[in-house]
Amino acid sequence: MRKNRFLPFGYTMEQGELIPHPKEAPVVENIFTQYLSGTESYASLARTLSKGCVPYHKHTKLWNKHMIKRILE
């Protein structure tokens, strides 16, 4: 059985409070910046992030366009 993400990417729970995740929050900010600039598509953002060091899931560092779409929505 696969565990779904309970917290949005970019956030963590600390002492019962939802706070920005120190490594993930800058990635979310970058996704919005790049996408809103009009120069990047979901797929191109996913390719770039797959080369980085912050995985969407702990079991794989690969990103896909659906992950980007969920963050932007």
Protein backbone atom coordinates (compact mmCIF):
# COMPACT_ATOMS: atom_id res chain seq x y z
CA MET A 1 0.00 0.00 0.00
CA ARG A 2 1.30 3.44 -0.95
CA LYS A 3 1.23 6.24 1.56
CA ASN A 4 -0.09 9.51 0.20
CA ARG A 5 1.42 12.78 1.27
CA PHE A 6 -0.55 14.20 4.21
CA LEU A 7 1.14 17.61 4.29
CA PRO A 8 1.55 19.81 1.23
CA PHE A 9 5.04 19.79 -0.25
CA GLY A 10 6.95 22.71 1.24
CA TYR A 11 5.48 22.40 4.73
CA THR A 12 6.23 20.41 7.85
CA MET A 13 4.52 19.95 11.20
CA GLU A 14 6.39 21.19 14.25
CA GLN A 15 4.81 21.16 17.72
CA GLY A 16 1.38 20.82 16.13
CA GLU A 17 1.88 23.81 13.86
CA LEU A 18 2.20 23.82 10.06
CA ILE A 19 5.39 25.69 9.13
CA PRO A 20 7.49 26.08 5.96
CA HIS A 21 9.92 23.18 5.46
CA PRO A 22 13.48 24.60 5.37
CA LYS A 23 14.54 22.61 2.26
CA GLU A 24 11.23 22.26 0.42
CA ALA A 25 9.78 25.78 0.76
CA PRO A 26 12.46 27.40 -1.46
CA VAL A 27 11.73 24.75 -4.10
CA VAL A 28 8.03 25.68 -4.05
CA GLU A 29 8.91 29.37 -4.36
CA ASN A 30 11.17 28.59 -7.32
CA ILE A 31 8.44 26.52 -9.02
CA PHE A 32 6.01 29.44 -8.80
CA THR A 33 8.61 31.98 -9.95
CA GLN A 34 9.69 29.92 -12.96
CA TYR A 35 6.15 28.95 -13.98
CA LEU A 36 4.75 32.46 -13.65
CA SER A 37 7.62 33.87 -15.71
CA GLY A 38 6.14 31.92 -18.62
CA THR A 39 9.45 30.32 -19.53
CA GLU A 40 8.89 26.90 -17.96
CA SER A 41 6.29 24.18 -18.46
CA TYR A 42 5.30 21.54 -15.91
CA ALA A 43 7.46 18.97 -17.71
CA SER A 44 10.55 21.20 -17.95
CA LEU A 45 10.28 22.08 -14.26
CA ALA A 46 10.01 18.38 -13.41
CA ARG A 47 13.12 17.56 -15.47
CA THR A 48 15.10 20.31 -13.74
CA LEU A 49 13.95 19.28 -10.26
CA SER A 50 14.76 15.61 -10.93
CA LYS A 51 18.41 16.66 -11.24
CA GLY A 52 18.30 18.49 -7.88
CA CYS A 53 18.70 17.25 -4.35
CA VAL A 54 15.21 17.83 -2.89
CA PRO A 55 12.94 14.86 -3.68
CA TYR A 56 9.15 15.08 -3.79
CA HIS A 57 8.92 11.60 -2.27
CA LYS A 58 11.53 10.08 -0.02
CA HIS A 59 11.69 6.88 -2.09
CA THR A 60 12.63 8.61 -5.38
CA LYS A 61 14.23 11.85 -6.43
CA LEU A 62 12.38 11.86 -9.77
CA TRP A 63 9.74 14.51 -10.31
CA ASN A 64 6.95 14.52 -12.90
CA LYS A 65 4.58 17.11 -14.33
CA HIS A 66 1.71 15.94 -12.11
CA MET A 67 3.71 16.76 -8.97
CA ILE A 68 4.37 20.26 -10.31
CA LYS A 69 0.68 20.69 -11.14
CA ARG A 70 -0.37 19.67 -7.58
CA ILE A 71 2.00 22.25 -6.09
CA LEU A 72 0.78 25.03 -8.38
CA GLU A 73 -2.87 24.22 -7.72
